Amino acid sequence: MTNSKTTILKGRSAARLAAVQAMYQIDIEPTDPRLVIGQFISLRFKKPEQYYMKNPDLSLFETVVIEALNNKDQYDKFITQVLSKDWTLDRLEVVLKSILRCGICELDCYRETPKAVIINEYVNLTKTFYDGQEPGFINASLDKLAQILER
């Protein structure tokens, strides 16, 4: 997130960014999620300009990280269902997996929030990491995942 279009995210948007970053960190180097959450709260959230987030919604951040990890196997099965036949979960970049896991978790745990709002937030978040087709991929995937969760 160092391109010229980067802005500092606030509130729930900041929490989503932090959750994706925490999930990425845990996926790259498995560790206790409570330790990672604590690091974000005590270090990253205290330097908002450095980490592109200000006043994140701590409840949303913690819930998404913990619940996404608690339900990772189930969510990964759902994600696999929306991938094209020639793609596997292992082929996805870790950042994309983190975005999808957080997105499906929020769709699952925060059903009172309009699906379109959640999907749009994760698409916009994806744009901070990618300039190519990835935002469209996240949009289509989260839309399909929302439909799976409704069943």
Protein backbone atom coordinates (compact mmCIF):
# COMPACT_ATOMS: atom_id res chain seq x y z
CA MET A 1 0.00 0.00 0.00
CA THR A 2 2.53 2.56 -1.03
CA ASN A 3 1.13 3.82 -4.32
CA SER A 4 0.14 7.43 -4.94
CA LYS A 5 -3.59 6.74 -4.57
CA THR A 6 -3.22 5.51 -0.98
CA THR A 7 -5.32 7.27 1.63
CA ILE A 8 -5.66 6.71 5.34
CA LEU A 9 -8.69 4.54 6.05
CA LYS A 10 -10.85 5.20 9.10
CA GLY A 11 -13.30 3.31 11.31
CA ARG A 12 -14.73 0.14 9.80
CA SER A 13 -12.67 0.52 6.61
CA ALA A 14 -9.50 0.69 8.70
CA ALA A 15 -10.62 -2.39 10.65
CA ARG A 16 -11.08 -4.31 7.40
CA LEU A 17 -7.62 -3.34 6.17
CA ALA A 18 -6.10 -4.36 9.49
CA ALA A 19 -7.98 -7.67 9.48
CA VAL A 20 -6.70 -8.50 6.00
CA GLN A 21 -3.15 -7.60 7.05
CA ALA A 22 -3.43 -9.66 10.23
CA MET A 23 -4.79 -12.66 8.31
CA TYR A 24 -1.93 -12.31 5.83
CA GLN A 25 0.59 -12.21 8.68
CA ILE A 26 -0.90 -15.29 10.33
CA ASP A 27 -1.02 -17.17 7.02
CA ILE A 28 2.62 -16.37 6.21
CA GLU A 29 3.92 -17.10 9.70
CA PRO A 30 1.36 -19.04 11.77
CA THR A 31 1.13 -17.64 15.26
CA ASP A 32 -1.42 -17.06 18.00
CA PRO A 33 -4.03 -14.66 16.57
CA ARG A 34 -4.39 -12.94 19.95
CA LEU A 35 -0.70 -12.03 19.76
CA VAL A 36 -1.14 -10.56 16.28
CA ILE A 37 -4.27 -8.67 17.36
CA GLY A 38 -2.35 -7.30 20.33
CA GLN A 39 0.49 -6.16 18.09
CA PHE A 40 -1.92 -4.30 15.84
CA ILE A 41 -3.62 -2.59 18.78
CA SER A 42 -0.43 -1.66 20.63
CA LEU A 43 1.77 -0.78 17.64
CA ARG A 44 0.10 -0.26 14.28
CA PHE A 45 -3.03 1.51 15.50
CA LYS A 46 -0.88 3.98 17.43
CA LYS A 47 0.93 5.07 14.22
CA PRO A 48 -1.98 5.66 11.83
CA GLU A 49 -0.05 7.54 9.13
CA GLN A 50 2.58 4.82 8.91
CA TYR A 51 0.02 2.03 8.58
CA TYR A 52 -2.68 3.88 6.59
CA MET A 53 -5.42 3.48 9.18
CA LYS A 54 -6.95 5.71 11.82
CA ASN A 55 -9.39 4.93 14.62
CA PRO A 56 -10.21 1.40 13.42
CA ASP A 57 -13.34 -0.28 14.71
CA LEU A 58 -11.64 -2.63 17.19
CA SER A 59 -14.66 -4.87 17.61
CA LEU A 60 -14.98 -5.47 13.87
CA PHE A 61 -11.22 -6.02 13.55
CA GLU A 62 -11.03 -8.57 16.35
CA THR A 63 -14.23 -10.37 15.34
CA VAL A 64 -13.21 -10.74 11.69
CA VAL A 65 -9.74 -12.06 12.54
CA ILE A 66 -10.90 -14.51 15.20
CA GLU A 67 -14.01 -15.75 13.38
CA ALA A 68 -12.24 -16.01 10.02
CA LEU A 69 -9.62 -18.21 11.66
CA ASN A 70 -12.18 -20.23 13.64
CA ASN A 71 -14.16 -20.91 10.44
CA LYS A 72 -11.21 -21.04 8.03
CA ASP A 73 -11.80 -24.62 6.87
CA GLN A 74 -15.48 -23.99 6.15
CA TYR A 75 -14.80 -20.64 4.47
CA ASP A 76 -12.02 -22.17 2.35
CA LYS A 77 -14.46 -24.84 1.13
CA PHE A 78 -16.89 -22.10 0.12
CA ILE A 79 -14.12 -20.12 -1.59
CA THR A 80 -13.07 -23.23 -3.50
CA GLN A 81 -16.65 -23.54 -4.79
CA VAL A 82 -16.48 -20.12 -6.47
CA LEU A 83 -13.10 -20.59 -8.13
CA SER A 84 -12.95 -21.66 -11.75
CA LYS A 85 -12.25 -25.34 -12.39
CA ASP A 86 -8.59 -24.79 -13.20
CA TRP A 87 -7.88 -22.82 -9.99
CA THR A 88 -7.30 -24.14 -6.52
CA LEU A 89 -7.13 -22.24 -3.27
CA ASP A 90 -3.38 -22.92 -3.14
CA ARG A 91 -2.92 -21.02 -6.41
CA LEU A 92 -4.40 -17.82 -4.99
CA GLU A 93 -2.02 -15.21 -3.67
CA VAL A 94 -2.04 -14.95 0.11
CA VAL A 95 -3.39 -11.38 -0.02
CA LEU A 96 -6.36 -12.49 -2.14
CA LYS A 97 -7.05 -15.40 0.21
CA SER A 98 -6.92 -13.03 3.16
CA ILE A 99 -9.34 -10.61 1.50
CA LEU A 100 -11.77 -13.42 0.62
CA ARG A 101 -11.59 -14.97 4.09
CA CYS A 102 -12.25 -11.63 5.78
CA GLY A 103 -14.99 -10.76 3.33
CA ILE A 104 -16.86 -14.03 3.72
CA CYS A 105 -16.44 -13.81 7.49
CA GLU A 106 -18.00 -10.38 7.58
CA LEU A 107 -20.81 -11.50 5.27
CA ASP A 108 -21.40 -14.41 7.66
CA CYS A 109 -21.02 -12.67 11.03
CA TYR A 110 -22.55 -9.26 10.21
CA ARG A 111 -25.70 -10.21 8.34
CA GLU A 112 -27.37 -6.95 9.40
CA THR A 113 -24.86 -5.02 7.28
CA PRO A 114 -26.00 -4.82 3.65
CA LYS A 115 -24.09 -7.32 1.50
CA ALA A 116 -23.43 -4.67 -1.13
CA VAL A 117 -21.69 -2.47 1.46
CA ILE A 118 -19.41 -5.29 2.62
CA ILE A 119 -18.59 -6.40 -0.91
CA ASN A 120 -17.90 -2.82 -2.03
CA GLU A 121 -15.60 -2.25 0.94
CA TYR A 122 -13.51 -5.33 0.14
CA VAL A 123 -13.41 -4.46 -3.57
CA ASN A 124 -12.12 -0.98 -2.68
CA LEU A 125 -9.63 -2.51 -0.27
CA THR A 126 -8.43 -4.82 -3.06
CA LYS A 127 -7.81 -1.75 -5.23
CA THR A 128 -5.28 -0.54 -2.67
CA PHE A 129 -3.21 -3.67 -3.33
CA TYR A 130 -3.88 -4.34 -7.04
CA ASP A 131 -4.37 -2.40 -10.27
CA GLY A 132 -5.41 -5.34 -12.47
CA GLN A 133 -8.37 -7.71 -12.59
CA GLU A 134 -8.23 -8.63 -8.91
CA PRO A 135 -10.91 -6.15 -7.73
CA GLY A 136 -13.34 -7.66 -10.27
CA PHE A 137 -12.39 -11.14 -9.10
CA ILE A 138 -13.05 -10.19 -5.46
CA ASN A 139 -16.38 -8.57 -6.42
CA ALA A 140 -17.61 -11.63 -8.31
CA SER A 141 -16.30 -14.07 -5.70
CA LEU A 142 -17.82 -12.28 -2.71
CA ASP A 143 -21.13 -11.93 -4.54
CA LYS A 144 -21.20 -15.71 -5.11
CA LEU A 145 -20.07 -16.37 -1.54
CA ALA A 146 -22.91 -14.18 -0.22
CA GLN A 147 -25.33 -16.36 -2.21
CA ILE A 148 -23.78 -19.53 -0.76
CA LEU A 149 -24.21 -18.17 2.77
CA GLU A 150 -27.90 -17.47 2.10
CA ARG A 151 -28.64 -21.14 1.43
